Amino acid sequence: MAELSCDLDIPFQTEREAEIAYNSLRVDKEPKKGGNKKTLSVSGTTLHIRFESKEARLLRVAVNGFMDHLILVTQTIEQFGPPQEKKA
């Protein structure tokens, strides 16, 4: 059976917001028994996510769950205002 994949690029207003989202979302690993793989990276103001699965249903569930978490993270960022840039 062929490997299915889904790639998402999520833009943020600032690099700091993209970094906060990345650090918040990368800790949730995909369960090993599900057969899904999730890879996150950040480049500038864009969060890149790649999902891989052997079954369309499992891929859909993984993406839906991730989007729920992403919405929560973006709402939290909005609620508390723009994050302060890190000081060196």
N, C-alpha and C. Protein backbone atom coordinates (compact mmCIF):
# COMPACT_ATOMS: atom_id res chain seq x y z
N MET A 1 0.85 -1.19 0.00
CA MET A 1 0.00 0.00 0.00
C MET A 1 0.89 1.24 0.00
N ALA A 2 0.53 2.22 -0.80
CA ALA A 2 1.32 3.44 -0.94
C ALA A 2 1.20 4.31 0.30
N GLU A 3 2.27 5.02 0.59
CA GLU A 3 2.28 5.97 1.70
C GLU A 3 1.55 7.24 1.27
N LEU A 4 0.61 7.69 2.10
CA LEU A 4 -0.11 8.93 1.85
C LEU A 4 0.53 10.05 2.65
N SER A 5 0.44 11.27 2.14
CA SER A 5 1.02 12.38 2.89
C SER A 5 0.17 13.64 2.73
N CYS A 6 0.37 14.54 3.67
CA CYS A 6 -0.29 15.84 3.66
C CYS A 6 0.72 16.86 4.16
N ASP A 7 0.96 17.90 3.37
CA ASP A 7 1.88 18.97 3.75
C ASP A 7 1.10 20.25 3.99
N LEU A 8 1.40 20.90 5.11
CA LEU A 8 0.75 22.16 5.45
C LEU A 8 1.82 23.21 5.70
N ASP A 9 1.59 24.42 5.23
CA ASP A 9 2.43 25.58 5.54
C ASP A 9 1.52 26.60 6.20
N ILE A 10 1.81 26.91 7.46
CA ILE A 10 0.98 27.83 8.23
C ILE A 10 1.76 29.12 8.45
N PRO A 11 1.31 30.25 7.86
CA PRO A 11 2.02 31.52 8.04
C PRO A 11 1.61 32.20 9.35
N PHE A 12 2.57 32.85 9.98
CA PHE A 12 2.32 33.64 11.18
C PHE A 12 2.78 35.06 10.92
N GLN A 13 2.35 35.98 11.76
CA GLN A 13 2.70 37.38 11.55
C GLN A 13 4.17 37.66 11.85
N THR A 14 4.73 36.92 12.82
CA THR A 14 6.12 37.15 13.19
C THR A 14 6.85 35.81 13.33
N GLU A 15 8.17 35.87 13.29
CA GLU A 15 8.97 34.67 13.51
C GLU A 15 8.76 34.15 14.93
N ARG A 16 8.60 35.04 15.89
CA ARG A 16 8.40 34.63 17.29
C ARG A 16 7.10 33.83 17.43
N GLU A 17 6.02 34.26 16.78
CA GLU A 17 4.76 33.51 16.85
C GLU A 17 4.92 32.13 16.22
N ALA A 18 5.62 32.05 15.10
CA ALA A 18 5.86 30.75 14.46
C ALA A 18 6.67 29.85 15.37
N GLU A 19 7.65 30.41 16.07
CA GLU A 19 8.48 29.64 17.00
C GLU A 19 7.66 29.15 18.20
N ILE A 20 6.78 30.00 18.72
CA ILE A 20 5.92 29.60 19.84
C ILE A 20 5.00 28.46 19.41
N ALA A 21 4.40 28.57 18.23
CA ALA A 21 3.52 27.51 17.74
C ALA A 21 4.31 26.22 17.55
N TYR A 22 5.49 26.32 16.97
CA TYR A 22 6.34 25.14 16.76
C TYR A 22 6.65 24.45 18.09
N ASN A 23 7.10 25.22 19.06
CA ASN A 23 7.47 24.64 20.36
C ASN A 23 6.27 24.08 21.10
N SER A 24 5.10 24.65 20.89
CA SER A 24 3.88 24.15 21.54
C SER A 24 3.37 22.88 20.89
N LEU A 25 3.49 22.78 19.58
CA LEU A 25 2.89 21.67 18.84
C LEU A 25 3.82 20.48 18.64
N ARG A 26 5.12 20.68 18.71
CA ARG A 26 6.05 19.59 18.43
C ARG A 26 6.10 18.55 19.55
N VAL A 27 5.64 18.90 20.74
CA VAL A 27 5.72 17.95 21.86
C VAL A 27 4.70 16.82 21.75
N ASP A 28 3.64 17.02 20.97
CA ASP A 28 2.63 15.97 20.80
C ASP A 28 3.06 15.01 19.70
N LYS A 29 3.66 13.91 20.09
CA LYS A 29 4.11 12.90 19.13
C LYS A 29 2.92 12.04 18.70
N GLU A 30 2.99 11.53 17.49
CA GLU A 30 1.96 10.61 17.01
C GLU A 30 2.14 9.27 17.71
N PRO A 31 1.02 8.62 18.09
CA PRO A 31 1.14 7.30 18.71
C PRO A 31 1.79 6.31 17.75
N LYS A 32 2.70 5.50 18.26
CA LYS A 32 3.42 4.53 17.41
C LYS A 32 2.47 3.51 16.81
N LYS A 33 1.45 3.10 17.55
CA LYS A 33 0.53 2.08 17.05
C LYS A 33 -0.35 2.58 15.92
N GLY A 34 -0.49 3.91 15.76
CA GLY A 34 -1.34 4.45 14.71
C GLY A 34 -0.72 4.38 13.33
N GLY A 35 0.60 4.30 13.26
CA GLY A 35 1.26 4.22 11.97
C GLY A 35 1.42 5.56 11.27
N ASN A 36 1.11 6.65 11.96
CA ASN A 36 1.27 7.98 11.38
C ASN A 36 2.64 8.55 11.76
N LYS A 37 3.12 9.44 10.92
CA LYS A 37 4.36 10.16 11.20
C LYS A 37 4.09 11.63 10.96
N LYS A 38 4.54 12.48 11.90
CA LYS A 38 4.36 13.92 11.79
C LYS A 38 5.72 14.58 11.93
N THR A 39 6.06 15.48 11.00
CA THR A 39 7.32 16.20 11.04
C THR A 39 7.01 17.68 11.01
N LEU A 40 7.56 18.42 11.99
CA LEU A 40 7.37 19.86 12.04
C LEU A 40 8.70 20.57 11.88
N SER A 41 8.66 21.72 11.22
CA SER A 41 9.82 22.60 11.14
C SER A 41 9.32 24.02 11.01
N VAL A 42 10.19 24.96 11.29
CA VAL A 42 9.83 26.36 11.17
C VAL A 42 10.89 27.06 10.34
N SER A 43 10.44 27.94 9.45
CA SER A 43 11.35 28.70 8.60
C SER A 43 10.82 30.13 8.53
N GLY A 44 11.50 31.03 9.19
CA GLY A 44 11.03 32.41 9.23
C GLY A 44 9.69 32.49 9.94
N THR A 45 8.69 33.00 9.25
CA THR A 45 7.36 33.14 9.85
C THR A 45 6.42 32.00 9.49
N THR A 46 6.94 30.93 8.88
CA THR A 46 6.10 29.83 8.42
C THR A 46 6.39 28.54 9.18
N LEU A 47 5.32 27.92 9.66
CA LEU A 47 5.40 26.61 10.28
C LEU A 47 5.07 25.57 9.22
N HIS A 48 5.97 24.61 9.02
CA HIS A 48 5.79 23.55 8.02
C HIS A 48 5.46 22.25 8.75
N ILE A 49 4.45 21.56 8.29
CA ILE A 49 4.05 20.28 8.89
C ILE A 49 3.86 19.27 7.77
N ARG A 50 4.39 18.07 7.98
CA ARG A 50 4.19 16.97 7.03
C ARG A 50 3.66 15.77 7.81
N PHE A 51 2.55 15.25 7.34
CA PHE A 51 1.95 14.04 7.90
C PHE A 51 2.13 12.92 6.89
N GLU A 52 2.42 11.72 7.39
CA GLU A 52 2.52 10.54 6.54
C GLU A 52 1.75 9.40 7.21
N SER A 53 1.04 8.63 6.40
CA SER A 53 0.26 7.52 6.92
C SER A 53 0.03 6.51 5.81
N LYS A 54 -0.30 5.31 6.21
CA LYS A 54 -0.60 4.27 5.23
C LYS A 54 -2.09 4.19 4.93
N GLU A 55 -2.91 4.84 5.77
CA GLU A 55 -4.36 4.81 5.57
C GLU A 55 -4.92 6.22 5.55
N ALA A 56 -5.81 6.48 4.62
CA ALA A 56 -6.42 7.81 4.48
C ALA A 56 -7.17 8.21 5.75
N ARG A 57 -7.89 7.26 6.35
CA ARG A 57 -8.66 7.56 7.55
C ARG A 57 -7.74 8.01 8.68
N LEU A 58 -6.62 7.32 8.88
CA LEU A 58 -5.68 7.68 9.95
C LEU A 58 -5.02 9.03 9.67
N LEU A 59 -4.76 9.30 8.40
CA LEU A 59 -4.18 10.59 8.03
C LEU A 59 -5.17 11.71 8.34
N ARG A 60 -6.42 11.51 7.99
CA ARG A 60 -7.45 12.51 8.27
C ARG A 60 -7.58 12.78 9.76
N VAL A 61 -7.59 11.74 10.56
CA VAL A 61 -7.72 11.90 12.01
C VAL A 61 -6.52 12.67 12.58
N ALA A 62 -5.33 12.35 12.09
CA ALA A 62 -4.12 13.03 12.57
C ALA A 62 -4.15 14.52 12.21
N VAL A 63 -4.54 14.83 10.98
CA VAL A 63 -4.58 16.23 10.54
C VAL A 63 -5.67 16.99 11.31
N ASN A 64 -6.84 16.38 11.48
CA ASN A 64 -7.92 17.03 12.24
C ASN A 64 -7.50 17.32 13.68
N GLY A 65 -6.88 16.35 14.32
CA GLY A 65 -6.42 16.54 15.70
C GLY A 65 -5.38 17.64 15.79
N PHE A 66 -4.47 17.66 14.83
CA PHE A 66 -3.44 18.69 14.81
C PHE A 66 -4.07 20.08 14.63
N MET A 67 -5.04 20.17 13.72
CA MET A 67 -5.68 21.46 13.48
C MET A 67 -6.40 21.97 14.73
N ASP A 68 -7.00 21.07 15.49
CA ASP A 68 -7.62 21.48 16.76
C ASP A 68 -6.59 22.10 17.70
N HIS A 69 -5.42 21.47 17.79
CA HIS A 69 -4.35 22.01 18.65
C HIS A 69 -3.82 23.33 18.09
N LEU A 70 -3.68 23.42 16.78
CA LEU A 70 -3.19 24.64 16.15
C LEU A 70 -4.14 25.81 16.43
N ILE A 71 -5.43 25.56 16.33
CA ILE A 71 -6.42 26.61 16.61
C ILE A 71 -6.28 27.07 18.06
N LEU A 72 -6.12 26.16 18.98
CA LEU A 72 -5.94 26.51 20.39
C LEU A 72 -4.69 27.38 20.59
N VAL A 73 -3.59 27.01 19.95
CA VAL A 73 -2.35 27.77 20.07
C VAL A 73 -2.53 29.17 19.51
N THR A 74 -3.14 29.30 18.33
CA THR A 74 -3.31 30.62 17.72
C THR A 74 -4.27 31.49 18.53
N GLN A 75 -5.31 30.90 19.10
CA GLN A 75 -6.22 31.65 19.96
C GLN A 75 -5.51 32.13 21.22
N THR A 76 -4.64 31.31 21.76
CA THR A 76 -3.88 31.70 22.95
C THR A 76 -2.94 32.86 22.62
N ILE A 77 -2.27 32.79 21.48
CA ILE A 77 -1.39 33.89 21.07
C ILE A 77 -2.20 35.17 20.92
N GLU A 78 -3.37 35.09 20.29
CA GLU A 78 -4.22 36.26 20.12
C GLU A 78 -4.71 36.81 21.46
N GLN A 79 -5.07 35.93 22.38
CA GLN A 79 -5.62 36.32 23.68
C GLN A 79 -4.60 37.11 24.50
N PHE A 80 -3.34 36.69 24.44
CA PHE A 80 -2.31 37.32 25.27
C PHE A 80 -1.52 38.38 24.52
N GLY A 81 -1.88 38.65 23.29
CA GLY A 81 -1.22 39.70 22.52
C GLY A 81 0.03 39.20 21.85
N PRO A 82 0.63 40.05 21.02
CA PRO A 82 1.83 39.65 20.30
C PRO A 82 2.95 39.33 21.29
N PRO A 83 3.67 38.25 21.05
CA PRO A 83 4.77 37.89 21.96
C PRO A 83 5.93 38.87 21.83
N GLN A 84 6.62 39.07 22.92
CA GLN A 84 7.80 39.92 22.92
C GLN A 84 8.93 39.17 22.26
N GLU A 85 9.72 39.88 21.47
CA GLU A 85 10.89 39.26 20.85
C GLU A 85 11.90 38.91 21.93
N LYS A 86 12.61 37.81 21.73
CA LYS A 86 13.66 37.41 22.67
C LYS A 86 14.77 38.43 22.68
N LYS A 87 15.27 38.72 23.87
CA LYS A 87 16.41 39.63 23.98
C LYS A 87 17.68 38.84 24.10
N ALA A 88 18.69 39.25 23.40
CA ALA A 88 19.97 38.53 23.40
C ALA A 88 20.77 38.83 24.65
